[in-house]
PDB file of N, CA and C in Angstrom:
ATOM      1  N   MET A   1     -58.816  27.370  14.331  1.00  0.00           N
ATOM      2  CA  MET A   1     -60.168  26.935  14.531  1.00  0.00           C
ATOM      3  C   MET A   1     -60.644  27.289  15.923  1.00  0.00           C
ATOM      4  N   LYS A   2     -59.807  27.006  16.909  1.00  0.00           N
ATOM      5  CA  LYS A   2     -60.199  27.274  18.287  1.00  0.00           C
ATOM      6  C   LYS A   2     -60.553  28.745  18.472  1.00  0.00           C
ATOM      7  N   THR A   3     -59.762  29.623  17.863  1.00  0.00           N
ATOM      8  CA  THR A   3     -60.019  31.049  17.979  1.00  0.00           C
ATOM      9  C   THR A   3     -61.349  31.414  17.348  1.00  0.00           C
ATOM     10  N   LEU A   4     -61.610  30.881  16.160  1.00  0.00           N
ATOM     11  CA  LEU A   4     -62.851  31.179  15.466  1.00  0.00           C
ATOM     12  C   LEU A   4     -64.044  30.655  16.232  1.00  0.00           C
ATOM     13  N   PHE A   5     -63.973  29.400  16.643  1.00  0.00           N
ATOM     14  CA  PHE A   5     -65.086  28.826  17.390  1.00  0.00           C
ATOM     15  C   PHE A   5     -65.258  29.569  18.713  1.00  0.00           C
ATOM     16  N   SER A   6     -64.150  29.891  19.341  1.00  0.00           N
ATOM     17  CA  SER A   6     -64.209  30.622  20.608  1.00  0.00           C
ATOM     18  C   SER A   6     -64.870  31.974  20.427  1.00  0.00           C
ATOM     19  N   ALA A   7     -64.616  32.626  19.298  1.00  0.00           N
ATOM     20  CA  ALA A   7     -65.239  33.929  19.041  1.00  0.00           C
ATOM     21  C   ALA A   7     -66.753  33.792  18.959  1.00  0.00           C
ATOM     22  N   ALA A   8     -67.227  32.768  18.261  1.00  0.00           N
ATOM     23  CA  ALA A   8     -68.668  32.563  18.143  1.00  0.00           C
ATOM     24  C   ALA A   8     -69.265  32.182  19.495  1.00  0.00           C
ATOM     25  N   VAL A   9     -68.589  31.302  20.221  1.00  0.00           N
ATOM     26  CA  VAL A   9     -69.080  30.895  21.537  1.00  0.00           C
ATOM     27  C   VAL A   9     -68.975  32.062  22.510  1.00  0.00           C
ATOM     28  N   ALA A  10     -67.894  32.811  22.434  1.00  0.00           N
ATOM     29  CA  ALA A  10     -67.735  33.973  23.310  1.00  0.00           C
ATOM     30  C   ALA A  10     -68.850  34.972  23.073  1.00  0.00           C
ATOM     31  N   ALA A  11     -69.206  35.147  21.805  1.00  0.00           N
ATOM     32  CA  ALA A  11     -70.310  36.049  21.499  1.00  0.00           C
ATOM     33  C   ALA A  11     -71.590  35.530  22.138  1.00  0.00           C
ATOM     34  N   ALA A  12     -71.748  34.220  22.141  1.00  0.00           N
ATOM     35  CA  ALA A  12     -72.930  33.629  22.773  1.00  0.00           C
ATOM     36  C   ALA A  12     -72.875  33.838  24.277  1.00  0.00           C
ATOM     37  N   ILE A  13     -71.685  33.719  24.819  1.00  0.00           N
ATOM     38  CA  ILE A  13     -71.526  33.927  26.260  1.00  0.00           C
ATOM     39  C   ILE A  13     -71.717  35.398  26.572  1.00  0.00           C
ATOM     40  N   LEU A  14     -71.142  36.259  25.771  1.00  0.00           N
ATOM     41  CA  LEU A  14     -71.201  37.700  25.994  1.00  0.00           C
ATOM     42  C   LEU A  14     -72.485  38.292  25.421  1.00  0.00           C
ATOM     43  N   CYS A  15     -72.451  37.976  24.782  1.00  0.00           N
ATOM     44  CA  CYS A  15     -73.534  38.660  24.096  1.00  0.00           C
ATOM     45  C   CYS A  15     -74.751  37.797  23.543  1.00  0.00           C
ATOM     46  N   THR A  16     -84.968  38.020   6.530  1.00  0.00           N
ATOM     47  CA  THR A  16     -85.158  36.720   6.115  1.00  0.00           C
ATOM     48  C   THR A  16     -86.492  36.208   6.464  1.00  0.00           C
ATOM     49  N   THR A  17     -86.366  35.411   6.497  1.00  0.00           N
ATOM     50  CA  THR A  17     -87.709  34.895   6.641  1.00  0.00           C
ATOM     51  C   THR A  17     -87.676  33.740   7.612  1.00  0.00           C
ATOM     52  N   ILE A  18     -88.652  33.700   8.450  1.00  0.00           N
ATOM     53  CA  ILE A  18     -88.705  32.654   9.453  1.00  0.00           C
ATOM     54  C   ILE A  18     -89.821  31.687   9.060  1.00  0.00           C
ATOM     55  N   PRO A  19     -89.457  30.422   8.759  1.00  0.00           N
ATOM     56  CA  PRO A  19     -90.443  29.467   8.305  1.00  0.00           C
ATOM     57  C   PRO A  19     -91.536  29.158   9.325  1.00  0.00           C
ATOM     58  N   SER A  20     -91.183  29.032  10.598  1.00  0.00           N
ATOM     59  CA  SER A  20     -92.177  28.768  11.637  1.00  0.00           C
ATOM     60  C   SER A  20     -91.620  29.225  12.972  1.00  0.00           C
ATOM     61  N   ALA A  21     -92.494  29.366  13.932  1.00  0.00           N
ATOM     62  CA  ALA A  21     -92.047  29.833  15.242  1.00  0.00           C
ATOM     63  C   ALA A  21     -91.068  28.849  15.873  1.00  0.00           C
ATOM     64  N   ALA A  22     -91.296  27.564  15.692  1.00  0.00           N
ATOM     65  CA  ALA A  22     -90.401  26.558  16.277  1.00  0.00           C
ATOM     66  C   ALA A  22     -89.015  26.645  15.656  1.00  0.00           C
ATOM     67  N   ASP A  23     -88.952  26.787  14.346  1.00  0.00           N
ATOM     68  CA  ASP A  23     -87.671  26.879  13.671  1.00  0.00           C
ATOM     69  C   ASP A  23     -86.983  28.211  13.947  1.00  0.00           C
ATOM     70  N   ALA A  24     -87.764  29.209  14.273  1.00  0.00           N
ATOM     71  CA  ALA A  24     -87.234  30.554  14.450  1.00  0.00           C
ATOM     72  C   ALA A  24     -86.306  30.681  15.645  1.00  0.00           C
ATOM     73  N   SER A  25     -86.368  29.749  16.572  1.00  0.00           N
ATOM     74  CA  SER A  25     -85.592  29.913  17.793  1.00  0.00           C
ATOM     75  C   SER A  25     -84.558  28.811  18.013  1.00  0.00           C
ATOM     76  N   THR A  26     -84.129  28.159  16.967  1.00  0.00           N
ATOM     77  CA  THR A  26     -83.167  27.062  17.085  1.00  0.00           C
ATOM     78  C   THR A  26     -81.916  27.485  17.833  1.00  0.00           C
ATOM     79  N   MET A  27     -81.313  28.567  17.408  1.00  0.00           N
ATOM     80  CA  MET A  27     -80.075  29.041  18.031  1.00  0.00           C
ATOM     81  C   MET A  27     -80.343  29.589  19.429  1.00  0.00           C
ATOM     82  N   SER A  28     -81.415  30.328  19.585  1.00  0.00           N
ATOM     83  CA  SER A  28     -81.735  30.914  20.877  1.00  0.00           C
ATOM     84  C   SER A  28     -81.968  29.829  21.930  1.00  0.00           C
ATOM     85  N   ARG A  29     -82.719  28.793  21.572  1.00  0.00           N
ATOM     86  CA  ARG A  29     -82.965  27.698  22.516  1.00  0.00           C
ATOM     87  C   ARG A  29     -81.663  27.007  22.904  1.00  0.00           C
ATOM     88  N   ALA A  30     -80.815  26.733  21.913  1.00  0.00           N
ATOM     89  CA  ALA A  30     -79.537  26.066  22.213  1.00  0.00           C
ATOM     90  C   ALA A  30     -78.676  26.946  23.123  1.00  0.00           C
ATOM     91  N   CYS A  31     -78.665  28.231  22.844  1.00  0.00           N
ATOM     92  CA  CYS A  31     -77.904  29.181  23.655  1.00  0.00           C
ATOM     93  C   CYS A  31     -78.423  29.183  25.095  1.00  0.00           C
ATOM     94  N   GLN A  32     -79.738  29.263  25.262  1.00  0.00           N
ATOM     95  CA  GLN A  32     -80.319  29.330  26.598  1.00  0.00           C
ATOM     96  C   GLN A  32     -80.137  28.032  27.374  1.00  0.00           C
ATOM     97  N   LYS A  33     -80.097  26.910  26.678  1.00  0.00           N
ATOM     98  CA  LYS A  33     -79.902  25.618  27.345  1.00  0.00           C
ATOM     99  C   LYS A  33     -78.449  25.407  27.759  1.00  0.00           C
ATOM    100  N   SER A  34     -77.543  26.174  27.174  1.00  0.00           N
ATOM    101  CA  SER A  34     -76.132  26.002  27.501  1.00  0.00           C
ATOM    102  C   SER A  34     -75.903  26.407  28.957  1.00  0.00           C
ATOM    103  N   ASP A  35     -74.828  25.900  29.522  1.00  0.00           N
ATOM    104  CA  ASP A  35     -74.545  26.196  30.928  1.00  0.00           C
ATOM    105  C   ASP A  35     -73.630  27.407  31.082  1.00  0.00           C
ATOM    106  N   ARG A  36     -73.539  28.223  30.068  1.00  0.00           N
ATOM    107  CA  ARG A  36     -72.663  29.395  30.105  1.00  0.00           C
ATOM    108  C   ARG A  36     -73.349  30.549  30.830  1.00  0.00           C
ATOM    109  N   ALA A  37     -72.664  31.126  31.782  1.00  0.00           N
ATOM    110  CA  ALA A  37     -73.246  32.181  32.612  1.00  0.00           C
ATOM    111  C   ALA A  37     -73.690  33.396  31.796  1.00  0.00           C
ATOM    112  N   GLY A  38     -72.962  33.733  30.764  1.00  0.00           N
ATOM    113  CA  GLY A  38     -73.277  34.916  29.963  1.00  0.00           C
ATOM    114  C   GLY A  38     -74.346  34.704  28.922  1.00  0.00           C
ATOM    115  N   ALA A  39     -74.890  33.506  28.848  1.00  0.00           N
ATOM    116  CA  ALA A  39     -75.911  33.204  27.840  1.00  0.00           C
ATOM    117  C   ALA A  39     -77.272  33.662  28.350  1.00  0.00           C
ATOM    118  N   THR A  40     -77.446  34.958  28.418  1.00  0.00           N
ATOM    119  CA  THR A  40     -78.709  35.528  28.893  1.00  0.00           C
ATOM    120  C   THR A  40     -79.753  35.489  27.784  1.00  0.00           C
ATOM    121  N   ARG A  41     -80.996  35.687  28.160  1.00  0.00           N
ATOM    122  CA  ARG A  41     -82.083  35.722  27.164  1.00  0.00           C
ATOM    123  C   ARG A  41     -81.802  36.783  26.103  1.00  0.00           C
ATOM    124  N   LYS A  42     -81.359  37.930  26.560  1.00  0.00           N
ATOM    125  CA  LYS A  42     -81.108  39.048  25.648  1.00  0.00           C
ATOM    126  C   LYS A  42     -80.004  38.689  24.643  1.00  0.00           C
ATOM    127  N   VAL A  43     -78.933  38.100  25.132  1.00  0.00           N
ATOM    128  CA  VAL A  43     -77.824  37.695  24.265  1.00  0.00           C
ATOM    129  C   VAL A  43     -78.289  36.603  23.296  1.00  0.00           C
ATOM    130  N   CYS A  44     -79.004  35.635  23.817  1.00  0.00           N
ATOM    131  CA  CYS A  44     -79.456  34.524  22.971  1.00  0.00           C
ATOM    132  C   CYS A  44     -80.434  35.000  21.896  1.00  0.00           C
ATOM    133  N   ARG A  45     -81.288  35.947  22.240  1.00  0.00           N
ATOM    134  CA  ARG A  45     -82.196  36.518  21.223  1.00  0.00           C
ATOM    135  C   ARG A  45     -81.414  37.258  20.153  1.00  0.00           C
ATOM    136  N   CYS A  46     -80.384  37.967  20.556  1.00  0.00           N
ATOM    137  CA  CYS A  46     -79.548  38.687  19.597  1.00  0.00           C
ATOM    138  C   CYS A  46     -78.871  37.702  18.648  1.00  0.00           C
ATOM    139  N   ILE A  47     -78.334  36.630  19.206  1.00  0.00           N
ATOM    140  CA  ILE A  47     -77.688  35.603  18.378  1.00  0.00           C
ATOM    141  C   ILE A  47     -78.690  35.029  17.388  1.00  0.00           C
ATOM    142  N   GLN A  48     -79.925  34.799  17.838  1.00  0.00           N
ATOM    143  CA  GLN A  48     -80.955  34.265  16.946  1.00  0.00           C
ATOM    144  C   GLN A  48     -81.254  35.231  15.815  1.00  0.00           C
ATOM    145  N   LYS A  49     -81.346  36.521  16.128  1.00  0.00           N
ATOM    146  CA  LYS A  49     -81.609  37.516  15.082  1.00  0.00           C
ATOM    147  C   LYS A  49     -80.510  37.505  14.029  1.00  0.00           C
ATOM    148  N   VAL A  50     -79.266  37.432  14.465  1.00  0.00           N
ATOM    149  CA  VAL A  50     -78.142  37.374  13.529  1.00  0.00           C
ATOM    150  C   VAL A  50     -78.208  36.084  12.719  1.00  0.00           C
ATOM    151  N   ALA A  51     -78.535  34.988  13.383  1.00  0.00           N
ATOM    152  CA  ALA A  51     -78.645  33.702  12.681  1.00  0.00           C
ATOM    153  C   ALA A  51     -79.731  33.759  11.607  1.00  0.00           C
ATOM    154  N   ASN A  52     -80.867  34.362  11.923  1.00  0.00           N
ATOM    155  CA  ASN A  52     -81.959  34.464  10.952  1.00  0.00           C
ATOM    156  C   ASN A  52     -81.532  35.244   9.710  1.00  0.00           C
ATOM    157  N   GLN A  53     -80.655  36.195   9.896  1.00  0.00           N
ATOM    158  CA  GLN A  53     -80.204  37.028   8.783  1.00  0.00           C
ATOM    159  C   GLN A  53     -79.043  36.414   8.011  1.00  0.00           C
ATOM    160  N   ASN A  54     -78.296  35.503   8.642  1.00  0.00           N
ATOM    161  CA  ASN A  54     -77.045  35.042   8.033  1.00  0.00           C
ATOM    162  C   ASN A  54     -76.934  33.544   7.789  1.00  0.00           C
ATOM    163  N   LEU A  55     -77.811  32.755   8.391  1.00  0.00           N
ATOM    164  CA  LEU A  55     -77.705  31.307   8.254  1.00  0.00           C
ATOM    165  C   LEU A  55     -79.037  30.707   7.825  1.00  0.00           C
ATOM    166  N   SER A  56     -78.960  29.687   6.996  1.00  0.00           N
ATOM    167  CA  SER A  56     -80.167  28.951   6.623  1.00  0.00           C
ATOM    168  C   SER A  56     -80.663  28.157   7.824  1.00  0.00           C
ATOM    169  N   LYS A  57     -81.855  27.616   7.700  1.00  0.00           N
ATOM    170  CA  LYS A  57     -82.419  26.800   8.771  1.00  0.00           C
ATOM    171  C   LYS A  57     -81.507  25.610   9.074  1.00  0.00           C
ATOM    172  N   SER A  58     -81.002  24.953   8.039  1.00  0.00           N
ATOM    173  CA  SER A  58     -80.124  23.794   8.268  1.00  0.00           C
ATOM    174  C   SER A  58     -78.788  24.222   8.872  1.00  0.00           C
ATOM    175  N   ASP A  59     -78.260  25.380   8.455  1.00  0.00           N
ATOM    176  CA  ASP A  59     -77.035  25.901   9.071  1.00  0.00           C
ATOM    177  C   ASP A  59     -77.261  26.180  10.555  1.00  0.00           C
ATOM    178  N   GLN A  60     -78.426  26.731  10.884  1.00  0.00           N
ATOM    179  CA  GLN A  60     -78.731  27.030  12.285  1.00  0.00           C
ATOM    180  C   GLN A  60     -78.796  25.759  13.118  1.00  0.00           C
ATOM    181  N   LYS A  61     -79.386  24.716  12.571  1.00  0.00           N
ATOM    182  CA  LYS A  61     -79.461  23.449  13.307  1.00  0.00           C
ATOM    183  C   LYS A  61     -78.067  22.895  13.576  1.00  0.00           C
ATOM    184  N   LEU A  62     -77.213  22.955  12.563  1.00  0.00           N
ATOM    185  CA  LEU A  62     -75.849  22.460  12.741  1.00  0.00           C
ATOM    186  C   LEU A  62     -75.095  23.318  13.757  1.00  0.00           C
ATOM    187  N   ALA A  63     -75.175  24.633  13.615  1.00  0.00           N
ATOM    188  CA  ALA A  63     -74.481  25.538  14.537  1.00  0.00           C
ATOM    189  C   ALA A  63     -75.012  25.381  15.962  1.00  0.00           C
ATOM    190  N   ALA A  64     -76.308  25.192  16.111  1.00  0.00           N
ATOM    191  CA  ALA A  64     -76.901  25.016  17.450  1.00  0.00           C
ATOM    192  C   ALA A  64     -76.359  23.759  18.122  1.00  0.00           C
ATOM    193  N   SER A  65     -76.047  22.763  17.332  1.00  0.00           N
ATOM    194  CA  SER A  65     -75.524  21.521  17.910  1.00  0.00           C
ATOM    195  C   SER A  65     -74.154  21.722  18.550  1.00  0.00           C
ATOM    196  N   PHE A  66     -73.445  22.784  18.179  1.00  0.00           N
ATOM    197  CA  PHE A  66     -72.128  23.062  18.760  1.00  0.00           C
ATOM    198  C   PHE A  66     -72.224  23.448  20.232  1.00  0.00           C
ATOM    199  N   PHE A  67     -73.366  24.011  20.653  1.00  0.00           N
ATOM    200  CA  PHE A  67     -73.532  24.371  22.057  1.00  0.00           C
ATOM    201  C   PHE A  67     -73.477  23.122  22.932  1.00  0.00           C
ATOM    202  N   GLU A  68     -74.070  22.038  22.429  1.00  0.00           N
ATOM    203  CA  GLU A  68     -74.112  20.793  23.187  1.00  0.00           C
ATOM    204  C   GLU A  68     -72.849  19.960  22.991  1.00  0.00           C
ATOM    205  N   ASP A  69     -72.256  20.050  21.807  1.00  0.00           N
ATOM    206  CA  ASP A  69     -71.088  19.232  21.471  1.00  0.00           C
ATOM    207  C   ASP A  69     -70.029  20.104  20.786  1.00  0.00           C
ATOM    208  N   PRO A  70     -69.254  20.882  21.554  1.00  0.00           N
ATOM    209  CA  PRO A  70     -68.259  21.777  20.961  1.00  0.00           C
ATOM    210  C   PRO A  70     -67.237  21.058  20.079  1.00  0.00           C
ATOM    211  N   HIS A  71     -66.948  19.802  20.378  1.00  0.00           N
ATOM    212  CA  HIS A  71     -65.990  19.056  19.560  1.00  0.00           C
ATOM    213  C   HIS A  71     -66.514  18.840  18.135  1.00  0.00           C
ATOM    214  N   LYS A  72     -67.826  18.834  17.990  1.00  0.00           N
ATOM    215  CA  LYS A  72     -68.425  18.676  16.658  1.00  0.00           C
ATOM    216  C   LYS A  72     -67.990  19.815  15.740  1.00  0.00           C
ATOM    217  N   ALA A  73     -67.843  20.998  16.292  1.00  0.00           N
ATOM    218  CA  ALA A  73     -67.382  22.141  15.490  1.00  0.00           C
ATOM    219  C   ALA A  73     -65.992  21.866  14.930  1.00  0.00           C
ATOM    220  N   GLN A  74     -65.142  21.293  15.747  1.00  0.00           N
ATOM    221  CA  GLN A  74     -63.785  20.952  15.315  1.00  0.00           C
ATOM    222  C   GLN A  74     -63.831  19.939  14.173  1.00  0.00           C
ATOM    223  N   LYS A  75     -64.691  18.932  14.313  1.00  0.00           N
ATOM    224  CA  LYS A  75     -64.809  17.911  13.265  1.00  0.00           C
ATOM    225  C   LYS A  75     -65.314  18.514  11.953  1.00  0.00           C
ATOM    226  N   ILE A  76     -66.279  19.405  12.045  1.00  0.00           N
ATOM    227  CA  ILE A  76     -66.827  20.051  10.841  1.00  0.00           C
ATOM    228  C   ILE A  76     -65.758  20.931  10.199  1.00  0.00           C
ATOM    229  N   ARG A  77     -65.055  21.701  11.013  1.00  0.00           N
ATOM    230  CA  ARG A  77     -64.030  22.611  10.481  1.00  0.00           C
ATOM    231  C   ARG A  77     -62.919  21.850   9.776  1.00  0.00           C
ATOM    232  N   GLN A  78     -62.545  20.706  10.285  1.00  0.00           N
ATOM    233  CA  GLN A  78     -61.437  19.938   9.717  1.00  0.00           C
ATOM    234  C   GLN A  78     -61.876  18.952   8.633  1.00  0.00           C
ATOM    235  N   SER A  79     -63.155  18.856   8.405  1.00  0.00           N
ATOM    236  CA  SER A  79     -63.679  17.910   7.436  1.00  0.00           C
ATOM    237  C   SER A  79     -63.235  18.248   6.014  1.00  0.00           C
ATOM    238  N   ASP A  80     -63.052  17.220   5.216  1.00  0.00           N
ATOM    239  CA  ASP A  80     -62.734  17.407   3.798  1.00  0.00           C
ATOM    240  C   ASP A  80     -63.996  17.520   2.945  1.00  0.00           C
ATOM    241  N   ASN A  81     -65.136  17.374   3.569  1.00  0.00           N
ATOM    242  CA  ASN A  81     -66.415  17.455   2.881  1.00  0.00           C
ATOM    243  C   ASN A  81     -66.640  18.891   2.391  1.00  0.00           C
ATOM    244  N   ARG A  82     -66.922  19.052   1.123  1.00  0.00           N
ATOM    245  CA  ARG A  82     -67.076  20.389   0.530  1.00  0.00           C
ATOM    246  C   ARG A  82     -68.222  21.175   1.174  1.00  0.00           C
ATOM    247  N   SER A  83     -69.313  20.498   1.501  1.00  0.00           N
ATOM    248  CA  SER A  83     -70.434  21.212   2.131  1.00  0.00           C
ATOM    249  C   SER A  83     -70.054  21.701   3.528  1.00  0.00           C
ATOM    250  N   HIS A  84     -69.220  20.932   4.232  1.00  0.00           N
ATOM    251  CA  HIS A  84     -68.741  21.381   5.541  1.00  0.00           C
ATOM    252  C   HIS A  84     -67.836  22.601   5.389  1.00  0.00           C
ATOM    253  N   GLU A  85     -66.995  22.594   4.357  1.00  0.00           N
ATOM    254  CA  GLU A  85     -66.117  23.743   4.107  1.00  0.00           C
ATOM    255  C   GLU A  85     -66.935  24.993   3.825  1.00  0.00           C
ATOM    256  N   LYS A  86     -67.970  24.873   3.017  1.00  0.00           N
ATOM    257  CA  LYS A  86     -68.835  26.018   2.700  1.00  0.00           C
ATOM    258  C   LYS A  86     -69.578  26.491   3.950  1.00  0.00           C
ATOM    259  N   PHE A  87     -70.078  25.520   4.722  1.00  0.00           N
ATOM    260  CA  PHE A  87     -70.747  25.887   5.971  1.00  0.00           C
ATOM    261  C   PHE A  87     -69.794  26.666   6.867  1.00  0.00           C
ATOM    262  N   TRP A  88     -68.564  26.184   6.987  1.00  0.00           N
ATOM    263  CA  TRP A  88     -67.622  26.817   7.913  1.00  0.00           C
ATOM    264  C   TRP A  88     -67.354  28.268   7.528  1.00  0.00           C
ATOM    265  N   LEU A  89     -67.296  28.558   6.258  1.00  0.00           N
ATOM    266  CA  LEU A  89     -67.117  29.949   5.820  1.00  0.00           C
ATOM    267  C   LEU A  89     -68.312  30.804   6.251  1.00  0.00           C
ATOM    268  N   ARG A  90     -69.514  30.271   6.082  1.00  0.00           N
ATOM    269  CA  ARG A  90     -70.711  31.010   6.517  1.00  0.00           C
ATOM    270  C   ARG A  90     -70.719  31.167   8.041  1.00  0.00           C
ATOM    271  N   TYR A  91     -70.302  30.123   8.737  1.00  0.00           N
ATOM    272  CA  TYR A  91     -70.282  30.151  10.200  1.00  0.00           C
ATOM    273  C   TYR A  91     -69.267  31.177  10.719  1.00  0.00           C
ATOM    274  N   LYS A  92     -68.115  31.271  10.066  1.00  0.00           N
ATOM    275  CA  LYS A  92     -67.117  32.283  10.443  1.00  0.00           C
ATOM    276  C   LYS A  92     -67.710  33.679  10.305  1.00  0.00           C
ATOM    277  N   ASP A  93     -68.374  33.921   9.186  1.00  0.00           N
ATOM    278  CA  ASP A  93     -69.001  35.227   8.975  1.00  0.00           C
ATOM    279  C   ASP A  93     -70.065  35.489  10.042  1.00  0.00           C
ATOM    280  N   PHE A  94     -70.836  34.476  10.349  1.00  0.00           N
ATOM    281  CA  PHE A  94     -71.857  34.580  11.392  1.00  0.00           C
ATOM    282  C   PHE A  94     -71.217  34.973  12.729  1.00  0.00           C
ATOM    283  N   GLY A  95     -70.131  34.299  13.092  1.00  0.00           N
ATOM    284  CA  GLY A  95     -69.446  34.603  14.348  1.00  0.00           C
ATOM    285  C   GLY A  95     -68.957  36.043  14.411  1.00  0.00           C
ATOM    286  N   THR A  96     -68.470  36.545  13.296  1.00  0.00           N
ATOM    287  CA  THR A  96     -68.008  37.929  13.224  1.00  0.00           C
ATOM    288  C   THR A  96     -69.163  38.907  13.445  1.00  0.00           C
ATOM    289  N   VAL A  97     -70.292  38.629  12.801  1.00  0.00           N
ATOM    290  CA  VAL A  97     -71.458  39.515  12.938  1.00  0.00           C
ATOM    291  C   VAL A  97     -72.017  39.429  14.361  1.00  0.00           C
ATOM    292  N   VAL A  98     -72.058  38.232  14.925  1.00  0.00           N
ATOM    293  CA  VAL A  98     -72.533  38.084  16.306  1.00  0.00           C
ATOM    294  C   VAL A  98     -71.659  38.892  17.259  1.00  0.00           C
ATOM    295  N   SER A  99     -70.358  38.797  17.100  1.00  0.00           N
ATOM    296  CA  SER A  99     -69.453  39.552  17.976  1.00  0.00           C
ATOM    297  C   SER A  99     -69.705  41.043  17.874  1.00  0.00           C
ATOM    298  N   ALA A 100     -69.900  41.530  16.647  1.00  0.00           N
ATOM    299  CA  ALA A 100     -70.124  42.957  16.437  1.00  0.00           C
ATOM    300  C   ALA A 100     -71.516  43.388  16.914  1.00  0.00           C
ATOM    301  N   SER A 101     -72.504  42.540  16.731  1.00  0.00           N
ATOM    302  CA  SER A 101     -73.888  42.913  17.030  1.00  0.00           C
ATOM    303  C   SER A 101     -74.319  42.635  18.466  1.00  0.00           C
ATOM    304  N   CYS A 102     -73.766  41.598  19.069  1.00  0.00           N
ATOM    305  CA  CYS A 102     -74.259  41.149  20.368  1.00  0.00           C
ATOM    306  C   CYS A 102     -73.257  41.302  21.504  1.00  0.00           C
ATOM    307  N   GLY A 103     -72.023  41.581  21.185  1.00  0.00           N
ATOM    308  CA  GLY A 103     -70.978  41.665  22.202  1.00  0.00           C
ATOM    309  C   GLY A 103     -71.216  42.707  23.260  1.00  0.00           C
ATOM    310  N   HIS A 104     -71.915  43.765  22.915  1.00  0.00           N
ATOM    311  CA  HIS A 104     -72.175  44.856  23.868  1.00  0.00           C
ATOM    312  C   HIS A 104     -73.245  44.492  24.904  1.00  0.00           C
ATOM    313  N   LEU A 105     -73.896  43.355  24.728  1.00  0.00           N
ATOM    314  CA  LEU A 105     -74.991  42.975  25.629  1.00  0.00           C
ATOM    315  C   LEU A 105     -74.538  42.256  26.892  1.00  0.00           C
ATOM    316  N   ARG A 106     -73.278  41.979  26.995  1.00  0.00           N
ATOM    317  CA  ARG A 106     -72.822  41.210  28.174  1.00  0.00           C
ATOM    318  C   ARG A 106     -72.893  41.975  29.446  1.00  0.00           C
TER     319      ARG A 106
END
């Protein structure tokens, strides 16, 4: 889990349809608010673009909460809740795409 979460966070550090402008930037805002030095505007915008293509609005809200509370990711990953398990599979895929798409921006 740590490796997977670290990959997604590292991508944030390094590197569909939009219902509304406010919802469109959930991940980008969380990324920019983080205290990580590598979370530049360019990287955060890239992460948002990947999120828009790979995660639902509710998935983005949950994933964005990990920037503020990294331990929450651990709780979700280890949860026996079926919806959490399904989310985690989507989140893993998201992290892989972010690493491939945004990693070069660091």
